Amino acid sequence: MKCIRCEFCGAELAQQVCTLVLAEEPDPQEFCWCVCDTCREDFQKRTMRVLLDKGS
C-alpha cells in the first residue's frame, strides 16, 4: 500500500505502519495504517498500552 497522507492528521509524507491486532480469534490479524512521523510515536505508545493492558 502506498501512503500519501496520514490517516490520523492528514499530513503529507506518511509511511505505512503495521501492527498485530489481538482479538477473540485464535490468530492475531495484521492491520496497516498510513501514519506521519509526528503521529507514529503516539500510535506506537497506544499500541504498547493495549498490549500491556491485555497482559495484566
N, C-alpha and C. Protein backbone atom coordinates (compact mmCIF):
# COMPACT_ATOMS: atom_id res chain seq x y z
N MET A 1 0.84 -1.16 0.00
CA MET A 1 0.00 0.00 0.00
C MET A 1 0.90 1.23 0.00
N LYS A 2 0.63 2.17 -0.89
CA LYS A 2 1.39 3.40 -0.95
C LYS A 2 0.64 4.48 -0.18
N CYS A 3 1.34 5.18 0.68
CA CYS A 3 0.72 6.20 1.52
C CYS A 3 0.96 7.59 0.94
N ILE A 4 -0.08 8.40 0.96
CA ILE A 4 0.04 9.78 0.53
C ILE A 4 -0.17 10.71 1.72
N ARG A 5 -1.18 10.44 2.54
CA ARG A 5 -1.49 11.29 3.69
C ARG A 5 -1.66 10.45 4.95
N CYS A 6 -1.35 11.07 6.08
CA CYS A 6 -1.53 10.43 7.39
C CYS A 6 -3.02 10.24 7.65
N GLU A 7 -3.40 9.05 8.08
CA GLU A 7 -4.80 8.76 8.38
C GLU A 7 -5.25 9.39 9.69
N PHE A 8 -4.32 9.87 10.52
CA PHE A 8 -4.68 10.48 11.80
C PHE A 8 -4.82 12.00 11.69
N CYS A 9 -3.87 12.67 11.03
CA CYS A 9 -3.88 14.14 11.00
C CYS A 9 -3.94 14.72 9.60
N GLY A 10 -3.79 13.91 8.55
CA GLY A 10 -3.87 14.40 7.19
C GLY A 10 -2.57 14.95 6.63
N ALA A 11 -1.48 14.89 7.40
CA ALA A 11 -0.20 15.40 6.93
C ALA A 11 0.31 14.59 5.75
N GLU A 12 1.06 15.24 4.87
CA GLU A 12 1.65 14.55 3.73
C GLU A 12 2.90 13.80 4.19
N LEU A 13 3.45 12.99 3.31
CA LEU A 13 4.67 12.21 3.57
C LEU A 13 4.48 11.17 4.67
N ALA A 14 3.39 10.47 4.64
CA ALA A 14 3.14 9.41 5.61
C ALA A 14 3.77 8.11 5.14
N GLN A 15 4.03 7.22 6.09
CA GLN A 15 4.57 5.89 5.79
C GLN A 15 3.63 4.85 6.37
N GLN A 16 3.68 3.67 5.79
CA GLN A 16 2.83 2.59 6.27
C GLN A 16 3.39 2.02 7.57
N VAL A 17 2.50 1.85 8.55
CA VAL A 17 2.85 1.25 9.83
C VAL A 17 1.87 0.10 10.05
N CYS A 18 2.39 -1.07 10.41
CA CYS A 18 1.54 -2.24 10.62
C CYS A 18 1.69 -2.74 12.05
N THR A 19 0.63 -3.35 12.55
CA THR A 19 0.65 -3.93 13.88
C THR A 19 -0.24 -5.17 13.90
N LEU A 20 0.02 -6.05 14.83
CA LEU A 20 -0.84 -7.21 15.02
C LEU A 20 -1.97 -6.82 15.95
N VAL A 21 -3.18 -7.24 15.62
CA VAL A 21 -4.34 -6.97 16.45
C VAL A 21 -4.76 -8.27 17.10
N LEU A 22 -4.74 -8.28 18.43
CA LEU A 22 -5.12 -9.47 19.19
C LEU A 22 -6.60 -9.37 19.49
N ALA A 23 -7.38 -10.25 18.93
CA ALA A 23 -8.83 -10.23 19.10
C ALA A 23 -9.28 -11.56 19.68
N GLU A 24 -10.54 -11.81 19.61
CA GLU A 24 -11.10 -13.06 20.15
C GLU A 24 -10.75 -14.26 19.28
N GLU A 25 -10.36 -14.03 18.03
CA GLU A 25 -10.00 -15.13 17.15
C GLU A 25 -8.70 -15.78 17.65
N PRO A 26 -8.47 -17.04 17.29
CA PRO A 26 -7.26 -17.72 17.76
C PRO A 26 -5.97 -17.13 17.19
N ASP A 27 -6.03 -16.54 16.00
CA ASP A 27 -4.82 -16.00 15.37
C ASP A 27 -4.88 -14.48 15.33
N PRO A 28 -3.78 -13.81 15.65
CA PRO A 28 -3.77 -12.34 15.52
C PRO A 28 -3.86 -11.93 14.05
N GLN A 29 -4.41 -10.76 13.81
CA GLN A 29 -4.53 -10.25 12.45
C GLN A 29 -3.64 -9.02 12.31
N GLU A 30 -3.06 -8.84 11.12
CA GLU A 30 -2.22 -7.68 10.86
C GLU A 30 -3.05 -6.59 10.18
N PHE A 31 -2.97 -5.38 10.72
CA PHE A 31 -3.63 -4.22 10.13
C PHE A 31 -2.59 -3.15 9.91
N CYS A 32 -2.76 -2.37 8.84
CA CYS A 32 -1.79 -1.33 8.48
C CYS A 32 -2.49 0.01 8.31
N TRP A 33 -1.77 1.07 8.65
CA TRP A 33 -2.25 2.43 8.52
C TRP A 33 -1.16 3.28 7.91
N CYS A 34 -1.55 4.39 7.31
CA CYS A 34 -0.60 5.40 6.83
C CYS A 34 -0.46 6.44 7.94
N VAL A 35 0.76 6.61 8.43
CA VAL A 35 1.00 7.47 9.59
C VAL A 35 2.22 8.35 9.33
N CYS A 36 2.13 9.65 9.67
CA CYS A 36 3.27 10.56 9.54
C CYS A 36 4.22 10.36 10.73
N ASP A 37 5.40 10.95 10.65
CA ASP A 37 6.39 10.82 11.72
C ASP A 37 5.86 11.34 13.05
N THR A 38 5.10 12.44 13.01
CA THR A 38 4.57 13.04 14.23
C THR A 38 3.58 12.10 14.93
N CYS A 39 2.71 11.47 14.17
CA CYS A 39 1.69 10.60 14.75
C CYS A 39 2.21 9.20 15.06
N ARG A 40 3.32 8.79 14.44
CA ARG A 40 3.83 7.43 14.61
C ARG A 40 4.16 7.13 16.07
N GLU A 41 4.80 8.07 16.76
CA GLU A 41 5.17 7.85 18.15
C GLU A 41 3.93 7.64 19.02
N ASP A 42 2.92 8.47 18.83
CA ASP A 42 1.67 8.32 19.58
C ASP A 42 1.00 6.99 19.25
N PHE A 43 1.01 6.60 17.98
CA PHE A 43 0.45 5.33 17.54
C PHE A 43 1.13 4.16 18.25
N GLN A 44 2.47 4.20 18.32
CA GLN A 44 3.23 3.13 18.97
C GLN A 44 2.96 3.09 20.47
N LYS A 45 2.84 4.25 21.11
CA LYS A 45 2.54 4.30 22.54
C LYS A 45 1.17 3.70 22.83
N ARG A 46 0.19 4.04 22.02
CA ARG A 46 -1.15 3.49 22.23
C ARG A 46 -1.17 1.98 22.01
N THR A 47 -0.42 1.50 21.02
CA THR A 47 -0.34 0.07 20.77
C THR A 47 0.29 -0.65 21.96
N MET A 48 1.36 -0.08 22.51
CA MET A 48 2.03 -0.70 23.67
C MET A 48 1.11 -0.72 24.89
N ARG A 49 0.34 0.35 25.10
CA ARG A 49 -0.59 0.38 26.23
C ARG A 49 -1.62 -0.74 26.13
N VAL A 50 -2.13 -0.97 24.93
CA VAL A 50 -3.11 -2.04 24.73
C VAL A 50 -2.47 -3.39 25.02
N LEU A 51 -1.26 -3.61 24.53
CA LEU A 51 -0.58 -4.89 24.78
C LEU A 51 -0.31 -5.08 26.26
N LEU A 52 0.11 -4.04 26.95
CA LEU A 52 0.37 -4.14 28.39
C LEU A 52 -0.92 -4.40 29.16
N ASP A 53 -2.00 -3.76 28.78
CA ASP A 53 -3.29 -3.97 29.45
C ASP A 53 -3.78 -5.40 29.24
N LYS A 54 -3.58 -5.96 28.05
CA LYS A 54 -4.02 -7.34 27.79
C LYS A 54 -3.17 -8.34 28.56
N GLY A 55 -1.90 -7.99 28.83
CA GLY A 55 -1.00 -8.89 29.53
C GLY A 55 -1.21 -8.93 31.04
N SER A 56 -1.91 -7.94 31.58
CA SER A 56 -2.09 -7.91 33.04
C SER A 56 -3.44 -8.39 33.48
